[in-house]
Each structure stands twice: as structure tokens, then as C-alpha cells.
């Protein structure tokens, strides 16, 4: 079904993804319960997040003290390690998903994890918003024979243009873009659903979906009526559990409501049109301030990084770092740099191609960020 949507053979249906992420609390049995619950709610797919921590984070980012009510360890590395499933556990979860008849996949948070998901032969691979500006990862993914779903949270339109160009250069048309706002939860006034139509017009040959982080389901329903044909929402068994994603996740009843609304929209022939006007969407869903705010057309002409996304960008946005010890005077080549979550941060990942062939004005040690003050003018 997903490939039919991506290849535009089916445009009047919706592929629904339950983003389990790391809401499983590091427990394999809880993850299996969530998979079964998502299946029963009517989802087409369950998705996790796969990371190789040393490939995704710098040493200082992993070693920093992590003081939070949601922490599972004293350092951020310990916290992430607690929540990270092993390769064998992934194989068990995939086997269980296959057994009950629901698609299984994950976000690839680094190149080693991308390799592993290809090895698993998942039906598609997700590139999350945090890696939408990670052009080396995108170029590698684009060259694989695996469908891709790419979220666009905390990115500008110029970065989205670059994503599409990377796919074009790889002759890859098996991908979709997801409108997304990386704020947890996203206020209705920042959901900016008009960007779905903007993206559809700007990239007419690319399917557009929606990855939502707002509370409740009505704004996601509006995204579907606005033209999104791939939908992703975080999923939880209990919104009161420890963990920062639970609050903006849908519980089983909410996910079932969303799945049923897709069936209703199809039966009422609402999905036969590529998209409905904001007024039509508001009328179908019964109106309300939240919908009006989410569908406001005041911010849809351009895509930019919203103020509400800055906390996520500062915490998990990726920087350009040294992949090995680099010496003053050295001319930077692709093999000299990597893209990681860095503490402190450096030049943001979207400028990767700009700094190739720049000269260093100081030494930079392996895993340290590349900053403006160590680059020649």
C-alpha cells in the first residue's frame, strides 16, 4: 500500500504509521504490546528509532550530565543506551510484527543504522527531521533501492529543495516528504497545515504526508483532508509514563479514532480530491479555534524554522564535526568531517557542502565541532 501511494498509483487512501519511537521504555515486551495495540487500532505500520550512539553523538554529547524527570541514566549516553534495542531485539520485533500482519520499520539516525535497516529488508526507511539536513546520510539513502519517508521539521524550504535535488541526482522517485513541526507538543497556531498544499504545489511529483506532534487527532484529520496521504503520529499506551514523547502521543483510543476517520473520509469520497480548501476542511470537521489556527494561511508561502522548534534544534540538531584529528592549515575534504549531535554544537549540518575545501585556521580534534572561528574566510 505504501509503495502504491509513493508511486502515485493510489491517491485516495492513507497509510497510517504508529511511531513507537522509544515510548517502549526500553522493554521488549512493552514494545510487543504496543505493536499489537497499534495493529488493533487500525494502523498500517509501527515504527521505531534505530541509533548507533557513537555514530550519532559526539563523546561530549554522550558524557554530559542528564538531569531530567525523564532521564533513564546519569548521563545522556546512559539514558539513550537504556532505551536502545539491540539488533537481535529488532529482529524479534520485526518477526512479531510479521506474525500479526503489520509493517515494521524504523528511523535511521546514522549511517550504521541505515545499513542495518537495509539488512533487515524493511519496507521503507524513515529519515527524521533531525537528519533532513544531513546530506551525506540522504545521499547514501537515496542510492539504495529502499523507499524513503523524509520529515522536514526544523528545516527551511531551501533545505527541502536540496533534499529533492539529492533524490533527483540519484534518480530516486521512491520517496515522500512529510510536513512536520518539531515541537513537542506543537501549538495549533504553529501546525501550519497550509504548508501541505504549498509542498504539493512546489513538488507535484512527490507524495506529501504529515508527521504531527500536536495534542489530539482533529488537526491530523485536517492534514489528511488537506492532502496528506501518509500519516505518522507518536503512539503510547499511557500518556502519564516517564518520557518526554508520551504527552504528544496518541493513546490506543485516539489512534483508533484517527484510523476510523480515514475509513469515514474514504466512504464519503473526501479523499478523491487531492486536497480540500481550508473552509471545506473546517466545515467537514465541525469548526473550532484549533482548526482555524492550524489552517491559517498567514504563514504558508515559505517554510522556515519556527521559534517553537528551536529547543529541539538546539538539543538534537546535528553539527559538522571532525571525523579525525585535523591540523591547522589543512584543506577540509569529505573524509575529514562527519555529521553528529554535538556538545557544544558547531556549524549546522546543512552547510556540509559549503565547508568542503575550506582551510582550517586551527587544530580540531576528532569528534570536536567545526566552528566558524576555525575556518578561513
Protein backbone atom coordinates (compact mmCIF):
# COMPACT_ATOMS: atom_id res chain seq x y z
CA UNK A 1 0.00 0.00 0.00
CA UNK A 2 2.76 2.48 0.89
CA UNK A 3 4.56 1.93 -2.41
CA UNK A 4 1.27 2.45 -4.26
CA UNK A 5 0.93 5.83 -2.54
CA UNK A 6 4.56 6.80 -3.13
CA UNK A 7 4.37 5.84 -6.81
CA UNK A 8 1.05 7.70 -7.13
CA UNK A 9 -0.93 4.62 -8.15
CA UNK A 10 -3.24 5.15 -5.18
CA UNK A 11 -4.10 8.68 -4.12
CA UNK A 12 -7.39 8.15 -2.33
CA UNK A 13 -6.06 6.16 0.63
CA UNK A 14 -3.93 6.92 3.70
CA UNK A 15 -1.03 4.95 5.15
CA UNK A 16 -1.09 5.26 8.95
CA UNK A 17 2.15 4.89 10.94
CA UNK A 18 2.27 4.43 14.71
CA UNK A 19 5.58 5.97 15.80
CA UNK A 20 6.52 3.91 18.84
CA UNK A 21 9.94 5.53 18.86
CA UNK A 22 11.32 4.95 22.32
CA UNK A 23 7.97 5.02 24.15
CA UNK A 24 8.55 1.34 24.91
CA UNK A 25 10.61 2.39 27.98
CA UNK A 26 13.42 0.05 26.93
CA UNK A 27 11.24 -3.02 27.46
CA UNK A 28 10.86 -5.59 24.66
CA UNK A 29 7.57 -6.97 25.99
CA UNK A 30 6.11 -3.47 26.23
CA UNK A 31 7.17 -2.89 22.62
CA UNK A 32 5.33 -6.04 21.55
CA UNK A 33 2.20 -4.92 23.41
CA UNK A 34 2.42 -1.58 21.60
CA UNK A 35 2.77 -3.30 18.22
CA UNK A 36 -0.33 -5.40 18.88
CA UNK A 37 -2.25 -2.38 20.15
CA UNK A 38 -1.34 -0.38 17.04
CA UNK A 39 -2.48 -3.25 14.84
CA UNK A 40 -5.80 -3.45 16.67
CA UNK A 41 -6.26 0.32 16.38
CA UNK A 42 -6.07 0.08 12.60
CA UNK A 43 -2.51 1.22 11.85
CA UNK A 44 -0.66 0.01 8.78
CA UNK A 45 2.81 0.25 10.28
CA UNK A 46 4.78 0.51 13.51
CA UNK A 47 8.00 2.50 13.51
CA UNK A 48 10.91 2.61 15.95
CA UNK A 49 14.10 4.71 16.09
CA UNK A 50 17.44 2.99 15.43
CA UNK A 51 20.69 4.61 16.50
CA UNK A 52 24.31 3.68 16.81
CA UNK A 53 25.08 6.06 19.66
CA UNK A 54 28.74 6.65 18.83
CA UNK A 55 27.85 7.34 15.21
CA UNK A 56 25.01 9.71 16.11
CA UNK A 57 26.52 11.63 19.06
CA UNK A 58 29.93 13.03 19.90
CA UNK A 59 31.63 11.76 23.06
CA UNK A 60 30.95 15.02 24.92
CA UNK A 61 27.26 14.83 23.99
CA UNK A 62 27.05 11.30 25.39
CA UNK A 63 29.04 12.13 28.52
CA UNK A 64 27.11 15.21 29.56
CA UNK A 65 25.10 15.03 32.77
CA UNK A 66 21.42 14.47 32.09
CA UNK A 67 19.21 15.94 34.79
CA UNK A 68 15.57 15.43 33.88
CA UNK A 69 12.43 13.82 35.22
CA UNK A 70 12.53 11.72 32.06
CA UNK A 71 16.14 10.51 32.46
CA UNK A 72 16.99 6.79 32.43
CA UNK A 73 20.62 7.36 33.34
CA UNK A 74 23.00 9.88 34.90
CA UNK A 75 24.49 10.88 31.54
CA UNK A 76 22.72 11.40 28.23
CA UNK A 77 24.62 8.42 26.85
CA UNK A 78 23.41 6.16 29.66
CA UNK A 79 19.88 7.44 29.10
CA UNK A 80 19.96 6.68 25.36
CA UNK A 81 21.67 3.31 25.88
CA UNK A 82 18.88 2.24 28.25
CA UNK A 83 16.27 2.93 25.58
CA UNK A 84 18.16 1.48 22.60
CA UNK A 85 17.18 -2.00 21.43
CA UNK A 86 19.89 -4.33 20.13
CA UNK A 87 19.95 -5.71 16.59
CA UNK A 88 18.68 -9.06 17.86
CA UNK A 89 15.79 -7.36 19.65
CA UNK A 90 14.95 -5.55 16.40
CA UNK A 91 14.82 -8.88 14.62
CA UNK A 92 12.45 -10.21 17.28
CA UNK A 93 10.18 -7.19 16.95
CA UNK A 94 10.19 -7.47 13.17
CA UNK A 95 9.31 -11.17 13.38
CA UNK A 96 6.45 -10.42 15.78
CA UNK A 97 5.12 -7.66 13.51
CA UNK A 98 5.23 -10.02 10.53
CA UNK A 99 3.41 -12.65 12.56
CA UNK A 100 0.45 -10.38 13.35
CA UNK A 101 0.41 -8.67 9.95
CA UNK A 102 1.63 -5.11 10.39
CA UNK A 103 4.53 -3.37 8.64
CA UNK A 104 7.65 -2.82 10.73
CA UNK A 105 10.39 -0.24 10.22
CA UNK A 106 12.47 2.43 11.95
CA UNK A 107 14.10 5.79 11.51
CA UNK A 108 17.79 5.57 10.57
CA UNK A 109 19.54 8.04 12.86
CA UNK A 110 23.03 7.50 11.40
CA UNK A 111 24.73 5.66 8.53
CA UNK A 112 25.45 2.47 10.51
CA UNK A 113 21.78 2.23 11.48
CA UNK A 114 20.82 2.83 7.85
CA UNK A 115 22.97 -0.15 6.86
CA UNK A 116 21.30 -2.31 9.49
CA UNK A 117 17.77 -1.41 8.38
CA UNK A 118 18.68 -2.25 4.79
CA UNK A 119 19.94 -5.61 6.09
CA UNK A 120 16.56 -6.14 7.80
CA UNK A 121 14.80 -5.55 4.46
CA UNK A 122 12.23 -3.18 5.95
CA UNK A 123 9.52 -1.92 3.54
CA UNK A 124 10.74 1.66 3.85
CA UNK A 125 13.19 3.70 5.91
CA UNK A 126 12.35 6.93 7.68
CA UNK A 127 14.73 9.88 7.71
CA UNK A 128 13.67 12.03 10.65
CA UNK A 129 13.65 15.81 10.82
CA UNK A 130 16.93 15.78 12.73
CA UNK A 131 18.61 14.29 9.67
CA UNK A 132 16.75 16.14 6.92
CA UNK A 133 19.79 18.41 6.60
CA UNK A 134 22.26 15.51 6.94
CA UNK A 135 23.13 15.49 3.25
CA UNK A 136 25.71 12.66 3.37
CA UNK A 137 23.13 10.36 5.01
CA UNK A 138 20.49 11.44 2.49
CA UNK A 139 22.84 10.83 -0.45
CA UNK A 140 23.63 7.35 0.82
CA UNK A 141 19.95 6.58 1.44
CA UNK A 142 18.98 7.93 -1.98
CA UNK A 143 21.32 5.44 -3.63
CA UNK A 144 19.63 2.44 -2.01
CA UNK A 145 16.75 0.53 -3.51
CA UNK A 146 14.54 1.22 -0.48
CA UNK A 147 11.57 3.63 -0.33
CA UNK A 148 12.21 6.65 1.92
CA UNK A 149 9.96 8.86 4.00
CA UNK A 150 11.65 12.14 4.93
CA UNK A 151 10.35 14.53 7.58
CA UNK A 152 11.02 18.24 7.21
CA UNK A 153 10.70 19.63 10.74
CA UNK A 154 13.05 22.44 11.86
CA UNK A 155 14.23 22.93 8.25
CA UNK A 156 13.93 25.75 5.72
CA UNK A 157 12.49 25.45 2.23
CA UNK A 158 15.99 25.70 0.77
CA UNK A 159 16.92 22.53 2.68
CA UNK A 160 13.80 20.79 1.38
CA UNK A 161 14.79 21.87 -2.15
CA UNK A 162 18.21 20.31 -1.57
CA UNK A 163 16.60 17.04 -0.42
CA UNK A 164 14.58 16.87 -3.62
CA UNK A 165 17.69 17.65 -5.68
CA UNK A 166 19.65 14.87 -3.95
CA UNK A 167 16.87 12.44 -4.80
CA UNK A 168 16.77 13.67 -8.41
CA UNK A 169 20.51 13.27 -8.81
CA UNK A 170 20.19 9.68 -7.57
CA UNK A 171 17.29 9.06 -9.99
CA UNK A 172 15.24 8.11 -6.95
CA UNK A 173 11.49 8.70 -7.13
CA UNK A 174 10.54 6.26 -4.38
CA UNK A 175 10.24 8.76 -1.56
CA UNK A 176 7.78 11.04 0.18
CA UNK A 177 8.15 14.28 2.12
CA UNK A 178 6.41 14.80 5.45
CA UNK A 179 5.27 18.20 6.64
CA UNK A 180 6.37 18.33 10.27
CA UNK A 181 6.88 20.82 13.08
CA UNK A 182 9.45 19.70 15.65
CA UNK A 183 7.80 20.95 18.82
CA UNK A 184 6.51 18.55 21.50
CA UNK A 185 3.61 19.24 21.67
CA UNK A 186 3.06 21.61 18.74
CA UNK A 187 0.68 24.51 19.48
CA UNK A 188 -2.22 24.63 16.97
CA UNK A 189 -1.13 28.05 15.69
CA UNK A 190 2.26 26.57 14.70
CA UNK A 191 0.95 23.44 12.93
CA UNK A 192 0.81 25.41 9.67
CA UNK A 193 -1.17 22.83 7.71
CA UNK A 194 -1.26 25.12 4.69
CA UNK A 195 2.31 24.01 4.03
CA UNK A 196 0.93 20.65 2.91
CA UNK A 197 -0.67 22.37 -0.09
CA UNK A 198 2.44 24.52 -0.59
CA UNK A 199 4.65 21.42 -0.72
CA UNK A 200 2.21 19.65 -3.05
CA UNK A 201 2.35 22.56 -5.49
CA UNK A 202 6.12 23.02 -5.24
CA UNK A 203 6.85 19.29 -5.69
CA UNK A 204 3.92 17.96 -7.75
CA UNK A 205 5.56 14.58 -8.35
CA UNK A 206 6.38 13.91 -4.70
CA UNK A 207 3.75 12.49 -2.29
CA UNK A 208 3.30 14.69 0.78
CA UNK A 209 2.48 13.36 4.24
CA UNK A 210 2.15 14.70 7.75
CA UNK A 211 4.07 13.84 10.91
CA UNK A 212 2.19 15.52 13.74
CA UNK A 213 3.13 16.30 17.32
CA UNK A 214 0.05 18.23 18.41
CA UNK A 215 -2.40 17.09 21.07
CA UNK A 216 -5.42 15.09 19.93
CA UNK A 217 -6.47 13.96 16.45
CA UNK A 218 -8.54 16.72 14.83
CA UNK A 219 -5.58 18.62 13.37
CA UNK A 220 -4.22 15.38 11.91
CA UNK A 221 -7.65 14.72 10.42
CA UNK A 222 -7.44 18.17 8.84
CA UNK A 223 -3.98 17.29 7.46
CA UNK A 224 -5.50 14.26 5.71
CA UNK A 225 -8.29 16.34 4.19
CA UNK A 226 -5.66 18.89 3.14
CA UNK A 227 -3.92 16.25 1.03
CA UNK A 228 -1.57 14.27 3.30
CA UNK A 229 -1.64 10.61 2.29
CA UNK A 230 0.98 9.28 4.72
CA UNK A 231 0.32 9.99 8.38
CA UNK A 232 2.64 9.45 11.32
CA UNK A 233 1.75 10.02 14.96
CA UNK A 234 3.66 9.07 18.09
CA UNK A 235 1.95 6.25 19.97
CA UNK A 236 1.79 5.36 23.65
CA UNK A 237 -0.09 3.00 25.94
CA UNK A 238 -0.13 5.61 28.72
CA UNK A 239 0.45 9.35 28.36
CA UNK A 240 1.46 9.63 32.00
CA UNK A 241 4.51 7.39 31.66
CA UNK A 242 8.04 8.65 32.13
CA UNK A 243 9.43 10.04 28.87
CA UNK A 244 9.16 13.34 27.01
CA UNK A 245 7.26 11.97 23.97
CA UNK A 246 4.28 10.43 25.76
CA UNK A 247 2.35 13.65 26.22
CA UNK A 248 2.14 14.42 22.49
CA UNK A 249 1.48 10.79 21.55
CA UNK A 250 -1.88 9.23 20.75
CA UNK A 251 -3.18 6.53 23.05
CA UNK A 252 -4.92 3.44 21.59
CA UNK A 253 -8.39 5.02 21.69
CA UNK A 254 -7.19 8.16 19.92
CA UNK A 255 -5.30 6.15 17.30
CA UNK A 256 -8.39 4.06 16.66
CA UNK A 257 -10.43 7.25 16.26
CA UNK A 258 -7.92 8.50 13.70
CA UNK A 259 -7.95 5.19 11.80
CA UNK A 260 -11.76 5.16 11.74
CA UNK A 261 -11.87 8.71 10.44
CA UNK A 262 -9.73 7.64 7.46
CA UNK A 263 -12.31 4.95 6.65
CA UNK A 264 -15.08 7.55 7.00
CA UNK A 265 -13.29 10.05 4.78
CA UNK A 266 -12.92 7.38 2.10
CA UNK A 267 -16.57 6.35 2.29
CA UNK A 268 -17.66 10.00 1.97
CA UNK A 269 -15.35 10.41 -1.04
CA UNK A 270 -13.38 13.19 0.66
CA UNK A 271 -10.06 11.65 -0.42
CA UNK A 272 -10.86 11.59 -4.13
CA UNK A 273 -9.84 15.25 -4.32
CA UNK A 274 -6.07 15.93 -3.96
CA UNK A 275 -6.89 18.45 -1.26
CA UNK A 276 -9.84 20.42 0.06
CA UNK A 277 -9.88 24.13 0.86
CA UNK A 278 -9.42 25.26 4.44
CA UNK A 279 -13.07 26.31 4.57
CA UNK A 280 -14.18 22.86 3.37
CA UNK A 281 -11.94 21.12 5.92
CA UNK A 282 -13.24 23.27 8.77
CA UNK A 283 -16.83 22.60 7.70
CA UNK A 284 -16.35 18.82 7.47
CA UNK A 285 -14.69 18.64 10.89
CA UNK A 286 -17.17 20.93 12.63
CA UNK A 287 -15.05 24.03 13.06
CA UNK A 288 -13.29 25.29 16.16
CA UNK A 289 -10.47 27.64 17.08
CA UNK A 290 -7.76 24.96 16.94
CA UNK A 291 -8.62 24.07 13.36
CA UNK A 292 -8.75 27.70 12.28
CA UNK A 293 -5.33 28.31 13.84
CA UNK A 294 -3.79 25.18 12.28
CA UNK A 295 -5.19 26.04 8.85
CA UNK A 296 -4.32 29.72 8.91
CA UNK A 297 -2.85 30.82 5.58
CA UNK A 298 -0.72 33.60 7.05
CA UNK A 299 2.49 31.53 7.22
CA UNK A 300 2.30 29.16 4.25
CA UNK A 301 4.14 31.00 1.48
CA UNK A 302 7.55 29.99 2.83
CA UNK A 303 8.94 27.30 5.10
CA UNK A 304 11.28 28.41 7.85
CA UNK A 305 12.42 27.28 11.28
CA UNK A 306 9.79 28.24 13.85
CA UNK A 307 10.59 29.61 17.28
CA UNK A 308 8.79 26.66 18.87
CA UNK A 309 11.25 24.32 17.09
CA UNK A 310 14.39 25.95 18.46
CA UNK A 311 14.57 23.87 21.69
CA UNK A 312 14.59 20.65 19.63
CA UNK A 313 17.08 22.08 17.13
CA UNK A 314 19.43 23.16 19.92
CA UNK A 315 19.15 19.76 21.66
CA UNK A 316 19.13 17.33 18.73
CA UNK A 317 20.07 19.33 15.64
CA UNK A 318 23.20 17.90 14.03
CA UNK A 319 26.51 19.69 13.54
CA UNK A 320 29.57 19.20 11.38
CA UNK A 321 32.37 17.62 13.42
CA UNK A 322 35.88 16.33 12.76
CA UNK A 323 35.95 12.64 11.87
CA UNK A 324 39.65 12.51 12.83
CA UNK A 325 42.32 14.83 14.22
CA UNK A 326 42.72 17.77 11.82
CA UNK A 327 45.67 20.16 11.69
CA UNK A 328 45.86 23.90 11.20
CA UNK A 329 46.25 24.74 7.52
CA UNK A 330 44.55 21.54 6.36
CA UNK A 331 42.06 21.76 3.46
CA UNK A 332 38.84 20.05 4.55
CA UNK A 333 37.75 17.05 2.50
CA UNK A 334 34.63 14.91 2.87
CA UNK A 335 36.56 12.17 4.70
CA UNK A 336 37.63 14.71 7.36
CA UNK A 337 34.16 15.51 8.65
CA UNK A 338 31.04 13.80 9.98
CA UNK A 339 27.52 14.84 10.98
CA UNK A 340 26.62 14.29 14.64
CA UNK A 341 24.71 15.70 17.58
CA UNK A 342 27.47 17.70 19.24
CA UNK A 343 28.01 19.26 22.67
CA UNK A 344 28.77 22.09 22.17
CA UNK A 345 27.23 22.49 18.75
CA UNK A 346 29.11 23.60 15.66
CA UNK A 347 28.17 24.67 12.16
CA UNK A 348 24.77 23.15 11.33
CA UNK A 349 24.71 20.13 9.04
CA UNK A 350 23.01 21.85 6.09
CA UNK A 351 26.26 23.74 5.40
CA UNK A 352 28.18 20.50 4.82
CA UNK A 353 28.96 21.18 1.16
CA UNK A 354 29.92 24.80 1.87
CA UNK A 355 32.88 23.91 4.07
CA UNK A 356 34.43 21.30 1.79
CA UNK A 357 37.74 22.76 0.51
CA UNK A 358 37.82 25.38 3.29
CA UNK A 359 41.14 25.75 5.12
CA UNK A 360 41.46 25.29 8.88
CA UNK A 361 42.97 28.14 10.87
CA UNK A 362 43.44 25.95 13.98
CA UNK A 363 43.73 22.31 15.03
CA UNK A 364 40.45 20.41 15.55
CA UNK A 365 40.45 17.11 17.41
CA UNK A 366 38.40 14.09 16.42
CA UNK A 367 34.71 14.41 17.44
CA UNK A 368 35.03 18.16 18.08
CA UNK A 369 32.67 20.52 16.25
CA UNK A 370 33.77 22.60 13.29
CA UNK A 371 33.00 26.23 14.13
CA UNK A 372 33.25 29.48 12.18
CA UNK A 373 36.39 30.63 14.01
CA UNK A 374 38.49 27.69 12.76
CA UNK A 375 37.65 28.28 9.07
CA UNK A 376 39.44 30.61 6.68
CA UNK A 377 37.35 33.38 5.18
